[in-house]
Amino acid sequence: MMMSARTTVAAATLGVALALAGCSSAADDDASGAATTQAAAPTVDTGSDDSDAADASDGADATEGADAAEGSDDSTAEASEQVSREFLAVETLDGAQFDPAVTQDKGVILWFWAPWCTICRGEAPEVAEVAAELEASGSPVVLLGVPGRGQVPEMEDFVADTGTGEMTHLVDVEGVLWRDFGVVYQPAFALLGTDGEVEVVNGALGGDGLRDAVAQLADG
């Protein structure tokens, strides 16, 4: 079950200079321009119930209205904590099962790459550097690779060649996550807020642009 996620972080807000374009196919790596698009992401069922808010508003005086508004804020906060990341429960490149619980209450950046993509290969060392910084600092943001459009042995070669082996990579041979997030070419980045909102940036970010995206998610 899918839904279109609300865009919360515009590319202009991120202040990211998208100097590189994405790879379009294995045979054609011509630059095609980076763009920010609205993602299609898995539906989040927060379990929230609007009936109480409706009852509180009917016939309420000014004092009761204030109490209802305060209760609404608490409900929103609770719903935010219940955002599900179960769609990330896939196998990693090292053969383990990824536990989405490690992303609880954290922003998540998904880096979509293909093993034959020259632009992905070029930005990989910077992506790995940022991922290491996040891990070392205990950042509230997690950076994960999502390789696709290739076979596992090719992905393993890419990781070995680019020094990205310390990162966690979620294997997407069937292209399920790529499709769900509306990724049409690579590299691309999906920014997942703790409130369930998503934005996809199609194109390379580079180290500085990626750090800007991390800061934006951490502040949000």
N, C-alpha and C. Protein backbone atom coordinates (compact mmCIF):
# COMPACT_ATOMS: atom_id res chain seq x y z
N MET A 1 0.87 -1.19 0.00
CA MET A 1 0.00 0.00 0.00
C MET A 1 0.89 1.23 0.00
N MET A 2 0.69 2.14 -0.94
CA MET A 2 1.61 3.24 -1.15
C MET A 2 0.89 4.57 -1.06
N MET A 3 1.66 5.61 -0.82
CA MET A 3 1.10 6.96 -0.87
C MET A 3 2.17 7.93 -1.28
N SER A 4 1.75 9.09 -1.78
CA SER A 4 2.71 10.12 -2.13
C SER A 4 3.09 10.86 -0.87
N ALA A 5 4.39 10.92 -0.57
CA ALA A 5 4.84 11.58 0.65
C ALA A 5 4.88 13.07 0.45
N ARG A 6 4.63 13.82 1.53
CA ARG A 6 4.68 15.28 1.45
C ARG A 6 6.11 15.76 1.40
N THR A 7 6.40 16.71 0.53
CA THR A 7 7.74 17.26 0.43
C THR A 7 7.95 18.27 1.54
N THR A 8 8.96 18.07 2.35
CA THR A 8 9.18 18.96 3.48
C THR A 8 10.46 19.77 3.38
N VAL A 9 11.41 19.30 2.58
CA VAL A 9 12.68 20.01 2.49
C VAL A 9 12.94 20.33 1.05
N ALA A 10 12.67 21.54 0.60
CA ALA A 10 12.89 21.92 -0.79
C ALA A 10 14.37 21.96 -1.07
N ALA A 11 14.74 21.73 -2.34
CA ALA A 11 16.16 21.75 -2.70
C ALA A 11 16.77 23.10 -2.40
N ALA A 12 16.00 24.17 -2.57
CA ALA A 12 16.54 25.50 -2.28
C ALA A 12 16.82 25.65 -0.80
N THR A 13 15.99 25.04 0.04
CA THR A 13 16.20 25.12 1.48
C THR A 13 17.45 24.37 1.88
N LEU A 14 17.67 23.22 1.26
CA LEU A 14 18.87 22.47 1.56
C LEU A 14 20.13 23.25 1.22
N GLY A 15 20.04 24.14 0.25
CA GLY A 15 21.19 24.90 -0.18
C GLY A 15 22.26 24.03 -0.80
N VAL A 16 21.81 23.00 -1.49
CA VAL A 16 22.75 22.03 -2.06
C VAL A 16 23.06 22.38 -3.50
N ALA A 17 24.34 22.46 -3.83
CA ALA A 17 24.73 22.69 -5.22
C ALA A 17 24.85 21.35 -5.89
N LEU A 18 23.91 21.02 -6.76
CA LEU A 18 23.91 19.73 -7.44
C LEU A 18 24.75 19.84 -8.70
N ALA A 19 26.06 19.65 -8.55
CA ALA A 19 26.97 19.89 -9.66
C ALA A 19 27.02 18.74 -10.64
N LEU A 20 26.55 17.55 -10.21
CA LEU A 20 26.63 16.39 -11.08
C LEU A 20 25.25 15.89 -11.42
N ALA A 21 25.12 15.16 -12.51
CA ALA A 21 23.83 14.59 -12.90
C ALA A 21 23.87 13.09 -12.70
N GLY A 22 22.73 12.43 -12.82
CA GLY A 22 22.68 11.00 -12.58
C GLY A 22 22.97 10.20 -13.83
N CYS A 23 23.36 8.93 -13.60
CA CYS A 23 23.57 8.01 -14.72
C CYS A 23 22.23 7.55 -15.22
N SER A 24 22.03 7.51 -16.51
CA SER A 24 20.74 7.13 -17.05
C SER A 24 20.67 5.65 -17.39
N SER A 25 21.78 5.04 -17.80
CA SER A 25 21.79 3.61 -18.10
C SER A 25 23.23 3.14 -18.11
N ALA A 26 23.41 1.82 -18.20
CA ALA A 26 24.76 1.27 -18.21
C ALA A 26 25.52 1.72 -19.43
N ALA A 27 24.85 1.93 -20.53
CA ALA A 27 25.51 2.29 -21.77
C ALA A 27 25.58 3.79 -21.97
N ASP A 28 24.85 4.58 -21.18
CA ASP A 28 24.78 6.01 -21.39
C ASP A 28 24.87 6.74 -20.08
N ASP A 29 26.04 7.35 -19.78
CA ASP A 29 26.26 8.10 -18.55
C ASP A 29 26.26 9.58 -18.81
N ASP A 30 25.56 10.07 -19.87
CA ASP A 30 25.51 11.49 -20.16
C ASP A 30 24.82 12.23 -19.04
N ALA A 31 25.31 13.47 -18.73
CA ALA A 31 24.70 14.28 -17.68
C ALA A 31 23.29 14.68 -18.11
N SER A 32 22.33 14.55 -17.16
CA SER A 32 20.96 14.88 -17.50
C SER A 32 20.33 15.83 -16.50
N GLY A 33 21.13 16.38 -15.55
CA GLY A 33 20.62 17.37 -14.62
C GLY A 33 20.01 16.75 -13.39
N ALA A 34 20.28 17.36 -12.23
CA ALA A 34 19.73 16.87 -10.98
C ALA A 34 18.42 17.58 -10.69
N ALA A 35 17.53 16.88 -10.01
CA ALA A 35 16.24 17.47 -9.71
C ALA A 35 15.69 16.91 -8.42
N THR A 36 14.89 17.71 -7.77
CA THR A 36 14.21 17.26 -6.56
C THR A 36 12.79 16.89 -6.93
N THR A 37 12.36 15.71 -6.51
CA THR A 37 11.03 15.24 -6.86
C THR A 37 10.30 14.77 -5.62
N GLN A 38 9.00 14.68 -5.75
CA GLN A 38 8.18 14.14 -4.67
C GLN A 38 8.25 12.64 -4.72
N ALA A 39 8.50 12.01 -3.57
CA ALA A 39 8.68 10.57 -3.53
C ALA A 39 7.36 9.85 -3.33
N ALA A 40 7.34 8.62 -3.81
CA ALA A 40 6.24 7.72 -3.46
C ALA A 40 6.79 6.78 -2.42
N ALA A 41 6.28 6.83 -1.21
CA ALA A 41 6.84 6.04 -0.12
C ALA A 41 5.76 5.17 0.50
N PRO A 42 6.18 4.11 1.20
CA PRO A 42 5.20 3.22 1.83
C PRO A 42 4.28 3.98 2.78
N THR A 43 3.01 3.58 2.81
CA THR A 43 2.03 4.22 3.67
C THR A 43 2.38 3.99 5.14
N VAL A 44 2.30 5.04 5.92
CA VAL A 44 2.57 4.94 7.35
C VAL A 44 1.25 4.96 8.10
N ASP A 45 0.99 3.92 8.85
CA ASP A 45 -0.21 3.85 9.68
C ASP A 45 0.16 4.22 11.10
N THR A 46 -0.15 5.44 11.52
CA THR A 46 0.24 5.90 12.85
C THR A 46 -0.73 5.45 13.92
N GLY A 47 -1.90 4.97 13.51
CA GLY A 47 -2.87 4.52 14.49
C GLY A 47 -3.56 5.67 15.20
N SER A 48 -3.45 6.90 14.68
CA SER A 48 -4.06 8.05 15.35
C SER A 48 -5.56 8.06 15.11
N ASP A 49 -6.31 8.62 16.04
CA ASP A 49 -7.77 8.66 15.98
C ASP A 49 -8.22 10.09 16.13
N ASP A 50 -8.90 10.61 15.09
CA ASP A 50 -9.33 12.00 15.09
C ASP A 50 -10.64 12.20 15.84
N SER A 51 -11.31 11.14 16.28
CA SER A 51 -12.63 11.28 16.87
C SER A 51 -12.58 12.05 18.18
N ASP A 52 -11.53 11.83 18.98
CA ASP A 52 -11.43 12.53 20.25
C ASP A 52 -11.31 14.03 20.05
N ALA A 53 -10.52 14.42 19.02
CA ALA A 53 -10.34 15.84 18.74
C ALA A 53 -11.66 16.46 18.32
N ALA A 54 -12.46 15.69 17.54
CA ALA A 54 -13.75 16.21 17.09
C ALA A 54 -14.69 16.38 18.27
N ASP A 55 -14.70 15.41 19.18
CA ASP A 55 -15.57 15.50 20.35
C ASP A 55 -15.19 16.66 21.24
N ALA A 56 -13.87 16.91 21.36
CA ALA A 56 -13.40 17.97 22.23
C ALA A 56 -13.79 19.34 21.71
N SER A 57 -13.88 19.45 20.36
CA SER A 57 -14.17 20.75 19.76
C SER A 57 -15.65 21.08 19.80
N ASP A 58 -16.54 20.06 19.81
CA ASP A 58 -17.98 20.30 19.80
C ASP A 58 -18.44 20.84 21.14
N GLY A 59 -19.00 22.06 21.15
CA GLY A 59 -19.57 22.65 22.35
C GLY A 59 -18.55 23.05 23.39
N ALA A 60 -17.26 23.10 23.05
CA ALA A 60 -16.23 23.44 24.01
C ALA A 60 -16.16 24.94 24.20
N ASP A 61 -15.86 25.40 25.44
CA ASP A 61 -15.66 26.82 25.68
C ASP A 61 -14.20 27.15 25.41
N ALA A 62 -13.80 28.40 25.69
CA ALA A 62 -12.44 28.83 25.36
C ALA A 62 -11.41 28.01 26.10
N THR A 63 -11.67 27.71 27.38
CA THR A 63 -10.71 26.93 28.16
C THR A 63 -10.58 25.52 27.63
N GLU A 64 -11.73 24.90 27.32
CA GLU A 64 -11.70 23.54 26.79
C GLU A 64 -11.02 23.50 25.43
N GLY A 65 -11.23 24.57 24.64
CA GLY A 65 -10.58 24.63 23.33
C GLY A 65 -9.08 24.65 23.47
N ALA A 66 -8.57 25.39 24.45
CA ALA A 66 -7.13 25.45 24.66
C ALA A 66 -6.60 24.08 25.07
N ASP A 67 -7.36 23.40 25.96
CA ASP A 67 -6.94 22.07 26.38
C ASP A 67 -6.92 21.10 25.20
N ALA A 68 -7.93 21.22 24.32
CA ALA A 68 -8.00 20.33 23.16
C ALA A 68 -6.82 20.56 22.23
N ALA A 69 -6.43 21.84 22.06
CA ALA A 69 -5.29 22.15 21.20
C ALA A 69 -4.03 21.55 21.76
N GLU A 70 -3.87 21.64 23.10
CA GLU A 70 -2.68 21.06 23.72
C GLU A 70 -2.65 19.55 23.53
N GLY A 71 -3.83 18.92 23.68
CA GLY A 71 -3.92 17.49 23.47
C GLY A 71 -3.59 17.09 22.06
N SER A 72 -3.96 17.94 21.09
CA SER A 72 -3.66 17.67 19.69
C SER A 72 -2.16 17.65 19.45
N ASP A 73 -1.44 18.58 20.09
CA ASP A 73 0.02 18.62 19.95
C ASP A 73 0.62 17.33 20.47
N ASP A 74 0.11 16.84 21.63
CA ASP A 74 0.63 15.60 22.19
C ASP A 74 0.36 14.44 21.24
N SER A 75 -0.83 14.43 20.62
CA SER A 75 -1.19 13.36 19.69
C SER A 75 -0.27 13.36 18.48
N THR A 76 0.04 14.57 17.98
CA THR A 76 0.94 14.69 16.83
C THR A 76 2.31 14.14 17.17
N ALA A 77 2.82 14.49 18.36
CA ALA A 77 4.13 14.01 18.78
C ALA A 77 4.14 12.49 18.88
N GLU A 78 3.06 11.93 19.43
CA GLU A 78 2.98 10.48 19.58
C GLU A 78 2.94 9.80 18.22
N ALA A 79 2.18 10.38 17.28
CA ALA A 79 2.09 9.80 15.94
C ALA A 79 3.45 9.81 15.27
N SER A 80 4.22 10.89 15.48
CA SER A 80 5.54 11.00 14.88
C SER A 80 6.45 9.87 15.36
N GLU A 81 6.32 9.49 16.65
CA GLU A 81 7.16 8.44 17.21
C GLU A 81 6.79 7.07 16.67
N GLN A 82 5.59 6.95 16.08
CA GLN A 82 5.12 5.66 15.62
C GLN A 82 5.37 5.43 14.12
N VAL A 83 6.11 6.33 13.47
CA VAL A 83 6.40 6.16 12.05
C VAL A 83 7.10 4.83 11.81
N SER A 84 6.55 4.05 10.91
CA SER A 84 7.09 2.72 10.63
C SER A 84 8.16 2.78 9.53
N ARG A 85 9.21 2.00 9.72
CA ARG A 85 10.25 1.88 8.70
C ARG A 85 10.38 0.42 8.26
N GLU A 86 9.30 -0.34 8.39
CA GLU A 86 9.36 -1.77 8.10
C GLU A 86 9.74 -2.06 6.65
N PHE A 87 9.52 -1.09 5.76
CA PHE A 87 9.88 -1.31 4.36
C PHE A 87 11.39 -1.42 4.18
N LEU A 88 12.17 -1.07 5.22
CA LEU A 88 13.63 -1.19 5.16
C LEU A 88 14.11 -2.56 5.64
N ALA A 89 13.20 -3.42 6.02
CA ALA A 89 13.56 -4.75 6.54
C ALA A 89 13.92 -5.67 5.38
N VAL A 90 15.06 -5.42 4.76
CA VAL A 90 15.52 -6.22 3.63
C VAL A 90 16.92 -6.74 3.93
N GLU A 91 17.43 -7.57 3.04
CA GLU A 91 18.75 -8.15 3.23
C GLU A 91 19.84 -7.14 2.87
N THR A 92 20.90 -7.13 3.66
CA THR A 92 22.03 -6.25 3.39
C THR A 92 23.03 -6.94 2.46
N LEU A 93 23.97 -6.17 1.97
CA LEU A 93 24.93 -6.71 1.00
C LEU A 93 25.82 -7.79 1.63
N ASP A 94 25.98 -7.76 2.95
CA ASP A 94 26.79 -8.79 3.61
C ASP A 94 25.97 -10.00 4.03
N GLY A 95 24.71 -10.05 3.60
CA GLY A 95 23.88 -11.23 3.83
C GLY A 95 23.08 -11.22 5.11
N ALA A 96 23.14 -10.13 5.88
CA ALA A 96 22.37 -10.04 7.12
C ALA A 96 20.99 -9.44 6.83
N GLN A 97 20.10 -9.52 7.80
CA GLN A 97 18.78 -8.91 7.69
C GLN A 97 18.83 -7.57 8.40
N PHE A 98 18.48 -6.50 7.70
CA PHE A 98 18.53 -5.18 8.31
C PHE A 98 17.36 -4.99 9.26
N ASP A 99 17.65 -4.44 10.44
CA ASP A 99 16.63 -4.19 11.44
C ASP A 99 16.24 -2.72 11.41
N PRO A 100 15.05 -2.38 10.92
CA PRO A 100 14.62 -0.98 10.83
C PRO A 100 14.59 -0.27 12.17
N ALA A 101 14.58 -1.03 13.26
CA ALA A 101 14.50 -0.42 14.59
C ALA A 101 15.70 0.48 14.88
N VAL A 102 16.82 0.23 14.20
CA VAL A 102 18.01 1.06 14.45
C VAL A 102 17.82 2.48 13.92
N THR A 103 16.78 2.69 13.11
CA THR A 103 16.51 4.03 12.57
C THR A 103 15.42 4.75 13.36
N GLN A 104 14.92 4.11 14.43
CA GLN A 104 13.84 4.71 15.21
C GLN A 104 14.23 6.09 15.72
N ASP A 105 13.35 7.05 15.54
CA ASP A 105 13.56 8.43 15.99
C ASP A 105 14.77 9.09 15.34
N LYS A 106 15.17 8.60 14.19
CA LYS A 106 16.29 9.19 13.46
C LYS A 106 15.87 9.56 12.04
N GLY A 107 16.53 10.58 11.49
CA GLY A 107 16.38 10.85 10.08
C GLY A 107 17.17 9.81 9.30
N VAL A 108 16.73 9.51 8.10
CA VAL A 108 17.42 8.50 7.28
C VAL A 108 17.68 9.08 5.89
N ILE A 109 18.89 8.85 5.40
CA ILE A 109 19.22 9.20 4.01
C ILE A 109 19.54 7.90 3.28
N LEU A 110 18.81 7.65 2.21
CA LEU A 110 19.06 6.48 1.38
C LEU A 110 19.82 6.92 0.13
N TRP A 111 20.96 6.32 -0.10
CA TRP A 111 21.78 6.62 -1.28
C TRP A 111 21.56 5.51 -2.31
N PHE A 112 20.87 5.84 -3.39
CA PHE A 112 20.59 4.87 -4.46
C PHE A 112 21.73 4.89 -5.48
N TRP A 113 22.36 3.74 -5.67
CA TRP A 113 23.47 3.66 -6.62
C TRP A 113 23.41 2.35 -7.40
N ALA A 114 24.06 2.38 -8.57
CA ALA A 114 24.15 1.18 -9.41
C ALA A 114 25.63 0.83 -9.57
N PRO A 115 25.98 -0.44 -9.63
CA PRO A 115 27.39 -0.84 -9.65
C PRO A 115 28.15 -0.39 -10.89
N TRP A 116 27.43 -0.13 -11.99
CA TRP A 116 28.09 0.29 -13.22
C TRP A 116 28.10 1.80 -13.41
N CYS A 117 27.49 2.53 -12.50
CA CYS A 117 27.33 3.97 -12.63
C CYS A 117 28.63 4.71 -12.30
N THR A 118 29.19 5.41 -13.27
CA THR A 118 30.46 6.10 -13.06
C THR A 118 30.33 7.28 -12.11
N ILE A 119 29.19 7.95 -12.12
CA ILE A 119 28.98 9.08 -11.21
C ILE A 119 28.85 8.58 -9.77
N CYS A 120 28.14 7.48 -9.59
CA CYS A 120 28.04 6.86 -8.27
C CYS A 120 29.43 6.49 -7.75
N ARG A 121 30.21 5.92 -8.62
CA ARG A 121 31.57 5.52 -8.26
C ARG A 121 32.41 6.74 -7.88
N GLY A 122 32.21 7.83 -8.61
CA GLY A 122 33.00 9.03 -8.33
C GLY A 122 32.67 9.67 -7.00
N GLU A 123 31.40 9.66 -6.57
CA GLU A 123 31.02 10.30 -5.32
C GLU A 123 31.08 9.34 -4.12
N ALA A 124 31.31 8.07 -4.38
CA ALA A 124 31.28 7.06 -3.32
C ALA A 124 32.23 7.34 -2.16
N PRO A 125 33.49 7.74 -2.41
CA PRO A 125 34.38 8.01 -1.27
C PRO A 125 33.86 9.11 -0.35
N GLU A 126 33.25 10.15 -0.91
CA GLU A 126 32.70 11.22 -0.08
C GLU A 126 31.48 10.74 0.71
N VAL A 127 30.66 9.92 0.07
CA VAL A 127 29.49 9.37 0.76
C VAL A 127 29.96 8.51 1.94
N ALA A 128 30.98 7.69 1.71
CA ALA A 128 31.51 6.84 2.78
C ALA A 128 32.08 7.68 3.91
N GLU A 129 32.71 8.79 3.56
CA GLU A 129 33.30 9.68 4.57
C GLU A 129 32.21 10.28 5.46
N VAL A 130 31.13 10.73 4.84
CA VAL A 130 30.02 11.31 5.61
C VAL A 130 29.38 10.24 6.49
N ALA A 131 29.21 9.03 5.96
CA ALA A 131 28.63 7.94 6.74
C ALA A 131 29.48 7.64 7.97
N ALA A 132 30.80 7.67 7.81
CA ALA A 132 31.71 7.43 8.93
C ALA A 132 31.60 8.54 9.97
N GLU A 133 31.45 9.78 9.50
CA GLU A 133 31.30 10.91 10.42
C GLU A 133 30.02 10.76 11.26
N LEU A 134 28.95 10.36 10.62
CA LEU A 134 27.68 10.18 11.32
C LEU A 134 27.79 9.09 12.38
N GLU A 135 28.44 7.99 12.02
CA GLU A 135 28.60 6.87 12.94
C GLU A 135 29.45 7.28 14.14
N ALA A 136 30.53 7.99 13.88
CA ALA A 136 31.46 8.37 14.95
C ALA A 136 30.86 9.40 15.90
N SER A 137 30.01 10.27 15.39
CA SER A 137 29.46 11.36 16.19
C SER A 137 28.16 11.00 16.90
N GLY A 138 27.62 9.82 16.61
CA GLY A 138 26.33 9.46 17.18
C GLY A 138 25.22 10.34 16.67
N SER A 139 25.30 10.71 15.41
CA SER A 139 24.34 11.63 14.79
C SER A 139 22.92 11.05 14.81
N PRO A 140 21.90 11.93 14.85
CA PRO A 140 20.51 11.47 14.76
C PRO A 140 20.08 11.18 13.33
N VAL A 141 21.04 11.05 12.44
CA VAL A 141 20.75 10.74 11.03
C VAL A 141 21.55 9.50 10.63
N VAL A 142 20.90 8.59 9.90
CA VAL A 142 21.53 7.37 9.43
C VAL A 142 21.64 7.42 7.91
N LEU A 143 22.79 7.04 7.37
CA LEU A 143 23.02 7.02 5.93
C LEU A 143 23.19 5.58 5.46
N LEU A 144 22.32 5.16 4.54
CA LEU A 144 22.33 3.78 4.05
C LEU A 144 22.45 3.76 2.53
N GLY A 145 23.21 2.81 2.00
CA GLY A 145 23.27 2.62 0.57
C GLY A 145 22.15 1.70 0.11
N VAL A 146 21.63 1.95 -1.10
CA VAL A 146 20.60 1.07 -1.68
C VAL A 146 21.01 0.74 -3.11
N PRO A 147 21.90 -0.25 -3.28
CA PRO A 147 22.31 -0.63 -4.62
C PRO A 147 21.21 -1.35 -5.38
N GLY A 148 21.12 -1.08 -6.68
CA GLY A 148 20.15 -1.74 -7.53
C GLY A 148 20.65 -1.76 -8.96
N ARG A 149 19.81 -2.25 -9.86
CA ARG A 149 20.14 -2.31 -11.29
C ARG A 149 21.44 -3.05 -11.55
N GLY A 150 21.60 -4.15 -10.88
CA GLY A 150 22.79 -4.98 -11.04
C GLY A 150 22.66 -6.22 -10.19
N GLN A 151 23.66 -7.07 -10.23
CA GLN A 151 23.67 -8.30 -9.46
C GLN A 151 24.60 -8.15 -8.25
N VAL A 152 24.37 -8.98 -7.24
CA VAL A 152 25.12 -8.88 -5.99
C VAL A 152 26.64 -8.91 -6.19
N PRO A 153 27.19 -9.82 -6.99
CA PRO A 153 28.65 -9.83 -7.18
C PRO A 153 29.17 -8.49 -7.72
N GLU A 154 28.42 -7.86 -8.61
CA GLU A 154 28.82 -6.55 -9.15
C GLU A 154 28.77 -5.49 -8.06
N MET A 155 27.77 -5.57 -7.20
CA MET A 155 27.65 -4.64 -6.09
C MET A 155 28.82 -4.80 -5.12
N GLU A 156 29.18 -6.04 -4.86
CA GLU A 156 30.30 -6.33 -3.97
C GLU A 156 31.60 -5.78 -4.53
N ASP A 157 31.80 -5.89 -5.83
CA ASP A 157 32.99 -5.34 -6.48
C ASP A 157 33.03 -3.82 -6.35
N PHE A 158 31.88 -3.18 -6.54
CA PHE A 158 31.78 -1.73 -6.41
C PHE A 158 32.19 -1.29 -5.01
N VAL A 159 31.65 -1.97 -4.00
CA VAL A 159 31.95 -1.62 -2.61
C VAL A 159 33.44 -1.80 -2.31
N ALA A 160 34.01 -2.88 -2.81
CA ALA A 160 35.44 -3.13 -2.58
C ALA A 160 36.30 -2.08 -3.27
N ASP A 161 35.91 -1.68 -4.47
CA ASP A 161 36.68 -0.71 -5.24
C ASP A 161 36.59 0.71 -4.68
N THR A 162 35.45 1.05 -4.08
CA THR A 162 35.20 2.43 -3.66
C THR A 162 35.42 2.67 -2.16
N GLY A 163 35.72 1.63 -1.41
CA GLY A 163 35.95 1.81 0.01
C GLY A 163 34.70 2.13 0.80
N THR A 164 33.56 1.65 0.33
CA THR A 164 32.29 1.91 1.02
C THR A 164 31.82 0.71 1.83
N GLY A 165 32.73 -0.21 2.13
CA GLY A 165 32.37 -1.44 2.81
C GLY A 165 31.94 -1.25 4.26
N GLU A 166 32.30 -0.11 4.89
CA GLU A 166 31.89 0.12 6.27
C GLU A 166 30.44 0.59 6.37
N MET A 167 29.87 1.01 5.24
CA MET A 167 28.47 1.41 5.22
C MET A 167 27.55 0.20 5.16
N THR A 168 26.32 0.39 5.59
CA THR A 168 25.31 -0.64 5.41
C THR A 168 24.61 -0.40 4.08
N HIS A 169 24.54 -1.44 3.26
CA HIS A 169 23.89 -1.35 1.94
C HIS A 169 22.72 -2.32 1.89
N LEU A 170 21.55 -1.81 1.56
CA LEU A 170 20.34 -2.62 1.46
C LEU A 170 20.17 -3.07 0.01
N VAL A 171 20.32 -4.35 -0.23
CA VAL A 171 20.28 -4.88 -1.60
C VAL A 171 18.87 -4.77 -2.17
N ASP A 172 18.78 -4.22 -3.37
CA ASP A 172 17.47 -4.04 -4.02
C ASP A 172 17.53 -4.52 -5.46
N VAL A 173 17.91 -5.78 -5.62
CA VAL A 173 18.05 -6.36 -6.97
C VAL A 173 16.76 -6.26 -7.75
N GLU A 174 15.64 -6.45 -7.09
CA GLU A 174 14.34 -6.40 -7.77
C GLU A 174 13.84 -4.98 -7.98
N GLY A 175 14.51 -3.99 -7.43
CA GLY A 175 14.13 -2.60 -7.65
C GLY A 175 12.89 -2.14 -6.89
N VAL A 176 12.55 -2.84 -5.80
CA VAL A 176 11.33 -2.51 -5.06
C VAL A 176 11.45 -1.14 -4.39
N LEU A 177 12.53 -0.92 -3.66
CA LEU A 177 12.72 0.37 -2.98
C LEU A 177 12.89 1.50 -3.99
N TRP A 178 13.60 1.22 -5.07
CA TRP A 178 13.78 2.23 -6.12
C TRP A 178 12.42 2.68 -6.65
N ARG A 179 11.57 1.72 -6.92
CA ARG A 179 10.23 2.03 -7.44
C ARG A 179 9.40 2.77 -6.40
N ASP A 180 9.44 2.28 -5.17
CA ASP A 180 8.61 2.87 -4.13
C ASP A 180 8.96 4.34 -3.87
N PHE A 181 10.23 4.69 -4.02
CA PHE A 181 10.65 6.06 -3.79
C PHE A 181 10.72 6.88 -5.09
N GLY A 182 10.29 6.31 -6.19
CA GLY A 182 10.24 7.06 -7.44
C GLY A 182 11.60 7.42 -8.00
N VAL A 183 12.61 6.62 -7.73
CA VAL A 183 13.96 6.88 -8.24
C VAL A 183 14.02 6.45 -9.70
N VAL A 184 14.29 7.39 -10.59
CA VAL A 184 14.28 7.09 -12.02
C VAL A 184 15.68 6.97 -12.61
N TYR A 185 16.66 7.51 -11.93
CA TYR A 185 18.06 7.29 -12.34
C TYR A 185 18.95 7.48 -11.13
N GLN A 186 20.20 7.15 -11.28
CA GLN A 186 21.13 7.15 -10.17
C GLN A 186 22.38 7.99 -10.48
N PRO A 187 23.03 8.52 -9.46
CA PRO A 187 22.70 8.40 -8.04
C PRO A 187 21.48 9.24 -7.68
N ALA A 188 20.87 8.88 -6.57
CA ALA A 188 19.74 9.64 -6.03
C ALA A 188 19.74 9.47 -4.52
N PHE A 189 19.10 10.40 -3.85
CA PHE A 189 19.05 10.36 -2.39
C PHE A 189 17.61 10.57 -1.93
N ALA A 190 17.13 9.71 -1.04
CA ALA A 190 15.83 9.89 -0.41
C ALA A 190 16.07 10.35 1.02
N LEU A 191 15.45 11.47 1.39
CA LEU A 191 15.60 12.03 2.73
C LEU A 191 14.32 11.73 3.51
N LEU A 192 14.43 10.93 4.56
CA LEU A 192 13.28 10.49 5.35
C LEU A 192 13.30 11.19 6.70
N GLY A 193 12.31 12.03 6.95
CA GLY A 193 12.21 12.71 8.23
C GLY A 193 11.62 11.80 9.30
N THR A 194 11.78 12.18 10.55
CA THR A 194 11.24 11.38 11.65
C THR A 194 9.71 11.43 11.70
N ASP A 195 9.13 12.39 10.97
CA ASP A 195 7.67 12.48 10.93
C ASP A 195 7.07 11.71 9.76
N GLY A 196 7.91 10.99 9.02
CA GLY A 196 7.42 10.18 7.92
C GLY A 196 7.42 10.89 6.58
N GLU A 197 7.79 12.16 6.57
CA GLU A 197 7.81 12.89 5.31
C GLU A 197 9.10 12.59 4.54
N VAL A 198 9.01 12.61 3.21
CA VAL A 198 10.09 12.15 2.35
C VAL A 198 10.34 13.14 1.21
N GLU A 199 11.61 13.29 0.85
CA GLU A 199 11.96 14.03 -0.35
C GLU A 199 13.05 13.26 -1.08
N VAL A 200 12.95 13.19 -2.40
CA VAL A 200 13.95 12.52 -3.22
C VAL A 200 14.70 13.53 -4.07
N VAL A 201 16.01 13.48 -4.00
CA VAL A 201 16.86 14.33 -4.83
C VAL A 201 17.53 13.43 -5.87
N ASN A 202 17.19 13.63 -7.13
CA ASN A 202 17.79 12.86 -8.21
C ASN A 202 19.06 13.55 -8.69
N GLY A 203 20.19 12.91 -8.46
CA GLY A 203 21.47 13.48 -8.84
C GLY A 203 22.46 13.37 -7.70
N ALA A 204 23.72 13.61 -7.99
CA ALA A 204 24.76 13.53 -6.97
C ALA A 204 24.72 14.76 -6.06
N LEU A 205 25.05 14.57 -4.80
CA LEU A 205 25.11 15.69 -3.85
C LEU A 205 26.54 16.10 -3.53
N GLY A 206 27.46 15.15 -3.54
CA GLY A 206 28.81 15.46 -3.11
C GLY A 206 28.85 15.55 -1.59
N GLY A 207 30.07 15.60 -1.04
CA GLY A 207 30.22 15.59 0.41
C GLY A 207 29.54 16.76 1.09
N ASP A 208 29.76 17.98 0.59
CA ASP A 208 29.19 19.17 1.23
C ASP A 208 27.67 19.18 1.14
N GLY A 209 27.15 18.84 -0.02
CA GLY A 209 25.70 18.81 -0.18
C GLY A 209 25.06 17.76 0.71
N LEU A 210 25.74 16.64 0.86
CA LEU A 210 25.22 15.58 1.72
C LEU A 210 25.22 16.02 3.17
N ARG A 211 26.26 16.73 3.58
CA ARG A 211 26.30 17.25 4.96
C ARG A 211 25.20 18.28 5.19
N ASP A 212 24.88 19.08 4.18
CA ASP A 212 23.78 20.02 4.31
C ASP A 212 22.45 19.27 4.51
N ALA A 213 22.28 18.18 3.78
CA ALA A 213 21.04 17.38 3.92
C ALA A 213 20.97 16.75 5.29
N VAL A 214 22.12 16.29 5.81
CA VAL A 214 22.17 15.72 7.15
C VAL A 214 21.75 16.77 8.18
N ALA A 215 22.30 17.98 8.05
CA ALA A 215 21.98 19.05 8.99
C ALA A 215 20.50 19.39 8.95
N GLN A 216 19.92 19.39 7.76
CA GLN A 216 18.52 19.72 7.61
C GLN A 216 17.62 18.69 8.30
N LEU A 217 17.98 17.40 8.13
CA LEU A 217 17.21 16.33 8.77
C LEU A 217 17.39 16.37 10.29
N ALA A 218 18.61 16.65 10.73
CA ALA A 218 18.90 16.68 12.16
C ALA A 218 18.13 17.80 12.84
N ASP A 219 17.99 18.94 12.16
CA ASP A 219 17.27 20.08 12.72
C ASP A 219 15.77 19.86 12.70
N GLY A 220 15.31 19.03 11.75
CA GLY A 220 13.87 18.81 11.60
C GLY A 220 13.36 17.78 12.57
